[in-house]
Amino acid sequence: MITTPRKSCATALHASDADNPVERLLRVGAPVLVALAIGFGLLASVGFAGGVHDAAHDTRHSFAFPCH
């Protein structure tokens, strides 16, 4: 008796998504956009870290709070 291989659920889902370019774009593009947003957020926070530290440092001195 010859049997044909059965498709798994994952194969069936990927086959239906391959026909829809919007689904494919969202599946590939969403992680890229999230990674870019996290990267730019980290870059901005590190870039302004000195300014944030200086502002907090000046605030502590204005309240006569020793910080060193």
N, C-alpha and C. Protein backbone atom coordinates (compact mmCIF):
# COMPACT_ATOMS: atom_id res chain seq x y z
N MET A 1 0.84 -1.17 0.00
CA MET A 1 0.00 0.00 0.00
C MET A 1 0.89 1.24 0.00
N ILE A 2 0.65 2.16 -0.90
CA ILE A 2 1.42 3.39 -1.02
C ILE A 2 0.61 4.51 -0.36
N THR A 3 1.28 5.23 0.54
CA THR A 3 0.61 6.35 1.21
C THR A 3 1.34 7.63 0.86
N THR A 4 0.61 8.71 0.83
CA THR A 4 1.21 10.01 0.57
C THR A 4 1.48 10.69 1.90
N PRO A 5 2.57 11.43 2.00
CA PRO A 5 2.86 12.11 3.26
C PRO A 5 1.80 13.17 3.56
N ARG A 6 1.46 13.26 4.83
CA ARG A 6 0.45 14.23 5.25
C ARG A 6 1.13 15.55 5.58
N LYS A 7 0.46 16.62 5.30
CA LYS A 7 0.99 17.94 5.63
C LYS A 7 0.69 18.23 7.10
N SER A 8 1.66 18.80 7.77
CA SER A 8 1.42 19.19 9.15
C SER A 8 0.67 20.52 9.17
N CYS A 9 0.20 20.89 10.34
CA CYS A 9 -0.52 22.17 10.47
C CYS A 9 0.40 23.34 10.15
N ALA A 10 1.67 23.24 10.58
CA ALA A 10 2.60 24.34 10.33
C ALA A 10 2.83 24.52 8.83
N THR A 11 2.95 23.42 8.11
CA THR A 11 3.15 23.51 6.66
C THR A 11 1.92 24.12 6.00
N ALA A 12 0.76 23.74 6.43
CA ALA A 12 -0.47 24.28 5.85
C ALA A 12 -0.59 25.77 6.12
N LEU A 13 -0.20 26.22 7.33
CA LEU A 13 -0.28 27.64 7.65
C LEU A 13 0.70 28.44 6.81
N HIS A 14 1.91 27.94 6.66
CA HIS A 14 2.90 28.68 5.88
C HIS A 14 2.53 28.72 4.41
N ALA A 15 1.91 27.69 3.92
CA ALA A 15 1.51 27.68 2.51
C ALA A 15 0.44 28.73 2.25
N SER A 16 -0.48 28.92 3.19
CA SER A 16 -1.52 29.92 2.97
C SER A 16 -0.98 31.33 3.13
N ASP A 17 0.01 31.53 4.01
CA ASP A 17 0.59 32.86 4.19
C ASP A 17 1.46 33.27 3.01
N ALA A 18 2.04 32.30 2.32
CA ALA A 18 2.92 32.62 1.20
C ALA A 18 2.16 33.29 0.08
N ASP A 19 0.88 33.03 -0.03
CA ASP A 19 0.08 33.63 -1.08
C ASP A 19 -0.34 35.06 -0.76
N ASN A 20 -0.28 35.45 0.50
CA ASN A 20 -0.75 36.77 0.92
C ASN A 20 0.47 37.66 1.21
N PRO A 21 0.77 38.62 0.35
CA PRO A 21 1.96 39.45 0.57
C PRO A 21 1.86 40.35 1.80
N VAL A 22 0.65 40.73 2.20
CA VAL A 22 0.50 41.57 3.38
C VAL A 22 0.89 40.79 4.63
N GLU A 23 0.44 39.56 4.73
CA GLU A 23 0.80 38.72 5.87
C GLU A 23 2.31 38.50 5.92
N ARG A 24 2.90 38.27 4.76
CA ARG A 24 4.34 38.04 4.71
C ARG A 24 5.09 39.30 5.12
N LEU A 25 4.63 40.47 4.67
CA LEU A 25 5.27 41.72 5.04
C LEU A 25 5.17 41.97 6.54
N LEU A 26 4.01 41.71 7.13
CA LEU A 26 3.85 41.89 8.56
C LEU A 26 4.70 40.91 9.35
N ARG A 27 4.80 39.68 8.87
CA ARG A 27 5.57 38.67 9.58
C ARG A 27 7.06 39.01 9.57
N VAL A 28 7.54 39.58 8.47
CA VAL A 28 8.95 39.91 8.35
C VAL A 28 9.22 41.34 8.83
N GLY A 29 8.33 42.27 8.52
CA GLY A 29 8.57 43.67 8.80
C GLY A 29 8.37 44.06 10.25
N ALA A 30 7.44 43.44 10.94
CA ALA A 30 7.16 43.81 12.33
C ALA A 30 8.37 43.61 13.24
N PRO A 31 9.05 42.47 13.20
CA PRO A 31 10.24 42.32 14.05
C PRO A 31 11.36 43.30 13.69
N VAL A 32 11.47 43.63 12.41
CA VAL A 32 12.49 44.60 12.00
C VAL A 32 12.17 45.97 12.58
N LEU A 33 10.92 46.38 12.52
CA LEU A 33 10.53 47.68 13.07
C LEU A 33 10.71 47.72 14.58
N VAL A 34 10.39 46.64 15.26
CA VAL A 34 10.58 46.59 16.72
C VAL A 34 12.06 46.68 17.05
N ALA A 35 12.90 45.96 16.32
CA ALA A 35 14.34 46.01 16.56
C ALA A 35 14.90 47.41 16.32
N LEU A 36 14.44 48.06 15.26
CA LEU A 36 14.89 49.43 14.99
C LEU A 36 14.45 50.39 16.09
N ALA A 37 13.22 50.25 16.56
CA ALA A 37 12.72 51.13 17.62
C ALA A 37 13.52 50.93 18.90
N ILE A 38 13.80 49.69 19.25
CA ILE A 38 14.61 49.43 20.45
C ILE A 38 16.02 49.98 20.27
N GLY A 39 16.59 49.79 19.10
CA GLY A 39 17.94 50.29 18.84
C GLY A 39 18.02 51.80 18.92
N PHE A 40 17.07 52.50 18.29
CA PHE A 40 17.07 53.95 18.37
C PHE A 40 16.80 54.43 19.79
N GLY A 41 15.95 53.73 20.52
CA GLY A 41 15.69 54.09 21.92
C GLY A 41 16.93 53.96 22.78
N LEU A 42 17.66 52.87 22.59
CA LEU A 42 18.90 52.68 23.35
C LEU A 42 19.94 53.73 22.96
N LEU A 43 20.04 54.02 21.69
CA LEU A 43 21.00 55.02 21.23
C LEU A 43 20.67 56.39 21.81
N ALA A 44 19.41 56.76 21.80
CA ALA A 44 19.00 58.06 22.32
C ALA A 44 19.21 58.14 23.83
N SER A 45 18.89 57.06 24.54
CA SER A 45 19.06 57.10 26.00
C SER A 45 20.53 57.15 26.38
N VAL A 46 21.39 56.45 25.67
CA VAL A 46 22.82 56.51 25.95
C VAL A 46 23.38 57.85 25.53
N GLY A 47 22.90 58.40 24.44
CA GLY A 47 23.38 59.69 23.97
C GLY A 47 23.05 60.83 24.92
N PHE A 48 21.90 60.75 25.56
CA PHE A 48 21.50 61.80 26.49
C PHE A 48 21.80 61.46 27.94
N ALA A 49 22.49 60.35 28.20
CA ALA A 49 22.76 59.94 29.58
C ALA A 49 23.59 60.99 30.31
N GLY A 50 24.56 61.58 29.63
CA GLY A 50 25.38 62.61 30.26
C GLY A 50 24.56 63.83 30.64
N GLY A 51 23.69 64.25 29.76
CA GLY A 51 22.83 65.40 30.05
C GLY A 51 21.87 65.12 31.19
N VAL A 52 21.33 63.92 31.24
CA VAL A 52 20.42 63.54 32.33
C VAL A 52 21.18 63.50 33.65
N HIS A 53 22.39 62.96 33.63
CA HIS A 53 23.19 62.91 34.85
C HIS A 53 23.53 64.32 35.33
N ASP A 54 23.92 65.19 34.41
CA ASP A 54 24.26 66.55 34.80
C ASP A 54 23.06 67.29 35.37
N ALA A 55 21.88 67.08 34.79
CA ALA A 55 20.68 67.73 35.31
C ALA A 55 20.36 67.24 36.72
N ALA A 56 20.47 65.94 36.95
CA ALA A 56 20.22 65.40 38.30
C ALA A 56 21.28 65.89 39.27
N HIS A 57 22.52 65.98 38.81
CA HIS A 57 23.62 66.44 39.65
C HIS A 57 23.39 67.89 40.06
N ASP A 58 23.00 68.73 39.13
CA ASP A 58 22.74 70.14 39.44
C ASP A 58 21.55 70.27 40.37
N THR A 59 20.55 69.44 40.21
CA THR A 59 19.38 69.48 41.10
C THR A 59 19.77 69.11 42.52
N ARG A 60 20.61 68.11 42.67
CA ARG A 60 21.05 67.74 44.03
C ARG A 60 21.82 68.88 44.67
N HIS A 61 22.68 69.54 43.90
CA HIS A 61 23.43 70.67 44.46
C HIS A 61 22.50 71.83 44.81
N SER A 62 21.46 72.05 44.02
CA SER A 62 20.56 73.17 44.31
C SER A 62 19.78 72.94 45.61
N PHE A 63 19.59 71.69 46.01
CA PHE A 63 18.93 71.39 47.29
C PHE A 63 19.94 71.18 48.41
N ALA A 64 21.21 71.50 48.17
CA ALA A 64 22.30 71.34 49.14
C ALA A 64 22.43 69.90 49.60
N PHE A 65 22.18 68.97 48.70
CA PHE A 65 22.31 67.54 49.00
C PHE A 65 23.69 67.08 48.52
N PRO A 66 24.52 66.58 49.42
CA PRO A 66 25.85 66.14 48.99
C PRO A 66 25.77 64.90 48.10
N CYS A 67 26.52 64.92 47.05
CA CYS A 67 26.47 63.79 46.14
C CYS A 67 27.84 63.18 45.88
N HIS A 68 28.88 63.70 46.48
CA HIS A 68 30.22 63.13 46.27
C HIS A 68 30.79 62.65 47.58
